[in-house]
C-alpha atoms as a PDB file:
ATOM      1  CA  UNK A   1       3.187   4.624  12.590  1.00  0.00           C
ATOM      2  CA  UNK A   2      -0.381   6.191  13.532  1.00  0.00           C
ATOM      3  CA  UNK A   3      -2.207   3.759  10.681  1.00  0.00           C
ATOM      4  CA  UNK A   4      -0.119   0.441  10.974  1.00  0.00           C
ATOM      5  CA  UNK A   5      -0.828  -2.827  11.569  1.00  0.00           C
ATOM      6  CA  UNK A   6       0.528  -5.748  12.075  1.00  0.00           C
ATOM      7  CA  UNK A   7       2.175  -7.211  15.839  1.00  0.00           C
ATOM      8  CA  UNK A   8       2.791  -4.238  17.926  1.00  0.00           C
ATOM      9  CA  UNK A   9       0.377  -1.622  16.114  1.00  0.00           C
ATOM     10  CA  UNK A  10      -1.262  -1.270  18.901  1.00  0.00           C
ATOM     11  CA  UNK A  11       1.863   0.836  20.542  1.00  0.00           C
ATOM     12  CA  UNK A  12       2.706   2.501  17.971  1.00  0.00           C
ATOM     13  CA  UNK A  13      -0.100   4.049  16.861  1.00  0.00           C
ATOM     14  CA  UNK A  14      -0.944   6.057  20.056  1.00  0.00           C
ATOM     15  CA  UNK A  15       3.328   8.337  20.004  1.00  0.00           C
ATOM     16  CA  UNK A  16       2.538   7.950  16.259  1.00  0.00           C
ATOM     17  CA  UNK A  17      -1.289  10.359  16.775  1.00  0.00           C
ATOM     18  CA  UNK A  18       0.797  12.365  19.210  1.00  0.00           C
ATOM     19  CA  UNK A  19       3.014  13.194  16.807  1.00  0.00           C
ATOM     20  CA  UNK A  20       0.619  14.248  14.473  1.00  0.00           C
ATOM     21  CA  UNK A  21      -0.753  16.521  16.481  1.00  0.00           C
ATOM     22  CA  UNK A  22       2.478  18.011  17.643  1.00  0.00           C
ATOM     23  CA  UNK A  23       3.372  18.632  14.099  1.00  0.00           C
ATOM     24  CA  UNK A  24       0.268  20.349  13.364  1.00  0.00           C
ATOM     25  CA  UNK A  25       0.092  22.344  16.403  1.00  0.00           C
ATOM     26  CA  UNK A  26       3.367  23.677  15.620  1.00  0.00           C
ATOM     27  CA  UNK A  27       2.861  23.852  11.960  1.00  0.00           C
ATOM     28  CA  UNK A  28      -0.375  26.442  13.096  1.00  0.00           C
ATOM     29  CA  UNK A  29       1.234  28.375  15.149  1.00  0.00           C
ATOM     30  CA  UNK A  30       4.365  28.948  12.472  1.00  0.00           C
ATOM     31  CA  UNK A  31       2.239  29.212  10.359  1.00  0.00           C
ATOM     32  CA  UNK A  32      -1.257  31.366  11.602  1.00  0.00           C
ATOM     33  CA  UNK A  33       0.112  32.669  15.755  1.00  0.00           C
ATOM     34  CA  UNK A  34       3.441  34.153  14.730  1.00  0.00           C
ATOM     35  CA  UNK A  35       2.452  36.157  11.877  1.00  0.00           C
ATOM     36  CA  UNK A  36      -0.950  37.523  13.141  1.00  0.00           C
ATOM     37  CA  UNK A  37       1.738  38.288  16.770  1.00  0.00           C
ATOM     38  CA  UNK A  38       4.209  39.519  14.857  1.00  0.00           C
ATOM     39  CA  UNK A  39       1.797  42.180  12.752  1.00  0.00           C
ATOM     40  CA  UNK A  40      -0.880  43.268  15.939  1.00  0.00           C
ATOM     41  CA  UNK A  41       2.474  44.089  17.588  1.00  0.00           C
ATOM     42  CA  UNK A  42       4.275  46.434  14.799  1.00  0.00           C
ATOM     43  CA  UNK A  43       1.184  48.087  14.076  1.00  0.00           C
ATOM     44  CA  UNK A  44       1.588  48.772  18.336  1.00  0.00           C
ATOM     45  CA  UNK A  45       4.933  50.151  17.422  1.00  0.00           C
ATOM     46  CA  UNK A  46       4.048  52.429  14.825  1.00  0.00           C
ATOM     47  CA  UNK A  47       1.721  54.154  17.088  1.00  0.00           C
ATOM     48  CA  UNK A  48       2.881  57.251  18.070  1.00  0.00           C
ATOM     49  CA  UNK A  49       4.343  57.862  21.858  1.00  0.00           C
ATOM     50  CA  UNK A  50       0.432  60.600  21.546  1.00  0.00           C
ATOM     51  CA  UNK A  51      -1.632  58.531  19.996  1.00  0.00           C
ATOM     52  CA  UNK A  52      -0.707  55.718  22.066  1.00  0.00           C
ATOM     53  CA  UNK A  53      -2.832  57.137  25.568  1.00  0.00           C
ATOM     54  CA  UNK A  54      -5.558  58.334  23.033  1.00  0.00           C
ATOM     55  CA  UNK A  55      -5.762  54.164  21.222  1.00  0.00           C
ATOM     56  CA  UNK A  56      -8.446  52.764  20.565  1.00  0.00           C
ATOM     57  CA  UNK A  57      -8.885  48.998  22.026  1.00  0.00           C
ATOM     58  CA  UNK A  58     -11.582  48.592  19.981  1.00  0.00           C
ATOM     59  CA  UNK A  59     -10.013  49.306  16.559  1.00  0.00           C
ATOM     60  CA  UNK A  60      -7.221  47.262  17.531  1.00  0.00           C
ATOM     61  CA  UNK A  61      -9.868  43.931  18.639  1.00  0.00           C
ATOM     62  CA  UNK A  62     -10.869  44.538  14.877  1.00  0.00           C
ATOM     63  CA  UNK A  63      -7.994  44.951  13.089  1.00  0.00           C
ATOM     64  CA  UNK A  64      -6.835  41.977  14.475  1.00  0.00           C
ATOM     65  CA  UNK A  65      -9.811  39.947  13.835  1.00  0.00           C
ATOM     66  CA  UNK A  66      -9.870  41.104  10.161  1.00  0.00           C
ATOM     67  CA  UNK A  67      -6.724  39.437   9.635  1.00  0.00           C
ATOM     68  CA  UNK A  68      -7.332  36.545  11.687  1.00  0.00           C
ATOM     69  CA  UNK A  69     -10.232  37.023   8.796  1.00  0.00           C
ATOM     70  CA  UNK A  70     -13.176  36.164  11.454  1.00  0.00           C
ATOM     71  CA  UNK A  71     -15.181  39.160   9.433  1.00  0.00           C
END
């Protein structure tokens, strides 16, 4: 639909691009963002109450970046 040719293809191309973009965004959210957020929250939940008060946010940011593959 997005790369179609013929009569009326200009009108259908815009909706086709919108559908492809939405599906791609949902795929990225489902396969990347949700699992990373889940593991991030599971790590916070597994920490004891005593260690939560002294939890270093730099360590949390580093582990989050490693999960995303930033370094």
